[in-house]
């Protein structure tokens, strides 16, 4: 993973934890995965939302793994 990818990943976690008052990285991850699942369920017919959601998921998975 490149340095800027690590920084972007950390920024996502930091912003979500601050804005949602989450103190645990697993709670932040749960919120992200719930949002991904909701987007795919509700907006499955909208190619733009599906593409953006899967790109976000791929970036987070790449950062973790």
C-alpha atoms as a PDB file:
ATOM      1  CA  UNK A   1       0.000   0.000   0.000  1.00  0.00           C
ATOM      2  CA  UNK A   2       1.306   3.451  -0.863  1.00  0.00           C
ATOM      3  CA  UNK A   3       1.811   6.106   1.788  1.00  0.00           C
ATOM      4  CA  UNK A   4      -0.993   8.310   0.486  1.00  0.00           C
ATOM      5  CA  UNK A   5      -3.366   5.313   0.554  1.00  0.00           C
ATOM      6  CA  UNK A   6      -2.537   4.696   4.199  1.00  0.00           C
ATOM      7  CA  UNK A   7      -3.131   8.360   4.977  1.00  0.00           C
ATOM      8  CA  UNK A   8      -6.490   8.395   3.152  1.00  0.00           C
ATOM      9  CA  UNK A   9      -7.581   5.220   4.933  1.00  0.00           C
ATOM     10  CA  UNK A  10      -6.657   6.692   8.309  1.00  0.00           C
ATOM     11  CA  UNK A  11      -8.556   9.879   7.472  1.00  0.00           C
ATOM     12  CA  UNK A  12     -11.750   7.934   6.722  1.00  0.00           C
ATOM     13  CA  UNK A  13     -11.546   6.159  10.076  1.00  0.00           C
ATOM     14  CA  UNK A  14     -10.700   9.365  11.951  1.00  0.00           C
ATOM     15  CA  UNK A  15     -13.528  11.406  10.424  1.00  0.00           C
ATOM     16  CA  UNK A  16     -16.114   8.685  10.959  1.00  0.00           C
ATOM     17  CA  UNK A  17     -15.056   8.083  14.542  1.00  0.00           C
ATOM     18  CA  UNK A  18     -15.136  11.815  15.329  1.00  0.00           C
ATOM     19  CA  UNK A  19     -18.441  12.574  13.600  1.00  0.00           C
ATOM     20  CA  UNK A  20     -20.259   9.499  14.877  1.00  0.00           C
ATOM     21  CA  UNK A  21     -18.647   9.404  18.309  1.00  0.00           C
ATOM     22  CA  UNK A  22     -17.175   5.944  17.784  1.00  0.00           C
ATOM     23  CA  UNK A  23     -14.213   5.014  19.919  1.00  0.00           C
ATOM     24  CA  UNK A  24     -13.356   1.608  18.469  1.00  0.00           C
ATOM     25  CA  UNK A  25     -12.041   0.840  14.984  1.00  0.00           C
ATOM     26  CA  UNK A  26     -14.344  -2.196  14.806  1.00  0.00           C
ATOM     27  CA  UNK A  27     -17.345   0.063  15.354  1.00  0.00           C
ATOM     28  CA  UNK A  28     -16.169   2.289  12.500  1.00  0.00           C
ATOM     29  CA  UNK A  29     -15.682  -0.751  10.276  1.00  0.00           C
ATOM     30  CA  UNK A  30     -19.183  -1.963  11.150  1.00  0.00           C
ATOM     31  CA  UNK A  31     -20.672   1.410  10.138  1.00  0.00           C
ATOM     32  CA  UNK A  32     -18.805   1.309   6.811  1.00  0.00           C
ATOM     33  CA  UNK A  33     -19.888  -2.247   6.046  1.00  0.00           C
ATOM     34  CA  UNK A  34     -23.490  -1.456   6.961  1.00  0.00           C
ATOM     35  CA  UNK A  35     -23.450   1.535   4.619  1.00  0.00           C
ATOM     36  CA  UNK A  36     -21.982  -0.576   1.818  1.00  0.00           C
ATOM     37  CA  UNK A  37     -24.662  -3.243   2.318  1.00  0.00           C
ATOM     38  CA  UNK A  38     -27.437  -0.642   2.403  1.00  0.00           C
ATOM     39  CA  UNK A  39     -26.186   1.050  -0.756  1.00  0.00           C
ATOM     40  CA  UNK A  40     -26.075  -2.240  -2.622  1.00  0.00           C
ATOM     41  CA  UNK A  41     -29.531  -3.311  -1.394  1.00  0.00           C
ATOM     42  CA  UNK A  42     -31.344  -0.023  -1.936  1.00  0.00           C
ATOM     43  CA  UNK A  43     -29.503   1.348  -4.960  1.00  0.00           C
ATOM     44  CA  UNK A  44     -28.589  -1.891  -6.706  1.00  0.00           C
ATOM     45  CA  UNK A  45     -30.125  -0.679  -9.955  1.00  0.00           C
ATOM     46  CA  UNK A  46     -28.098   2.555  -9.987  1.00  0.00           C
ATOM     47  CA  UNK A  47     -24.796   1.850 -11.693  1.00  0.00           C
ATOM     48  CA  UNK A  48     -23.105   5.001 -10.369  1.00  0.00           C
ATOM     49  CA  UNK A  49     -23.888   4.181  -6.733  1.00  0.00           C
ATOM     50  CA  UNK A  50     -22.887   0.528  -7.126  1.00  0.00           C
ATOM     51  CA  UNK A  51     -19.621   1.492  -8.837  1.00  0.00           C
ATOM     52  CA  UNK A  52     -18.748   4.071  -6.173  1.00  0.00           C
ATOM     53  CA  UNK A  53     -19.719   1.729  -3.343  1.00  0.00           C
ATOM     54  CA  UNK A  54     -17.644  -1.143  -4.688  1.00  0.00           C
ATOM     55  CA  UNK A  55     -14.675   1.167  -5.305  1.00  0.00           C
ATOM     56  CA  UNK A  56     -14.896   2.369  -1.701  1.00  0.00           C
ATOM     57  CA  UNK A  57     -15.118  -1.209  -0.443  1.00  0.00           C
ATOM     58  CA  UNK A  58     -12.166  -2.271  -2.579  1.00  0.00           C
ATOM     59  CA  UNK A  59     -10.042   0.621  -1.293  1.00  0.00           C
ATOM     60  CA  UNK A  60     -10.854  -0.224   2.337  1.00  0.00           C
ATOM     61  CA  UNK A  61     -10.219  -3.943   1.775  1.00  0.00           C
ATOM     62  CA  UNK A  62      -6.895  -3.190   0.107  1.00  0.00           C
ATOM     63  CA  UNK A  63      -5.912  -0.949   3.020  1.00  0.00           C
ATOM     64  CA  UNK A  64      -6.748  -3.618   5.612  1.00  0.00           C
ATOM     65  CA  UNK A  65      -5.324  -6.616   3.790  1.00  0.00           C
END
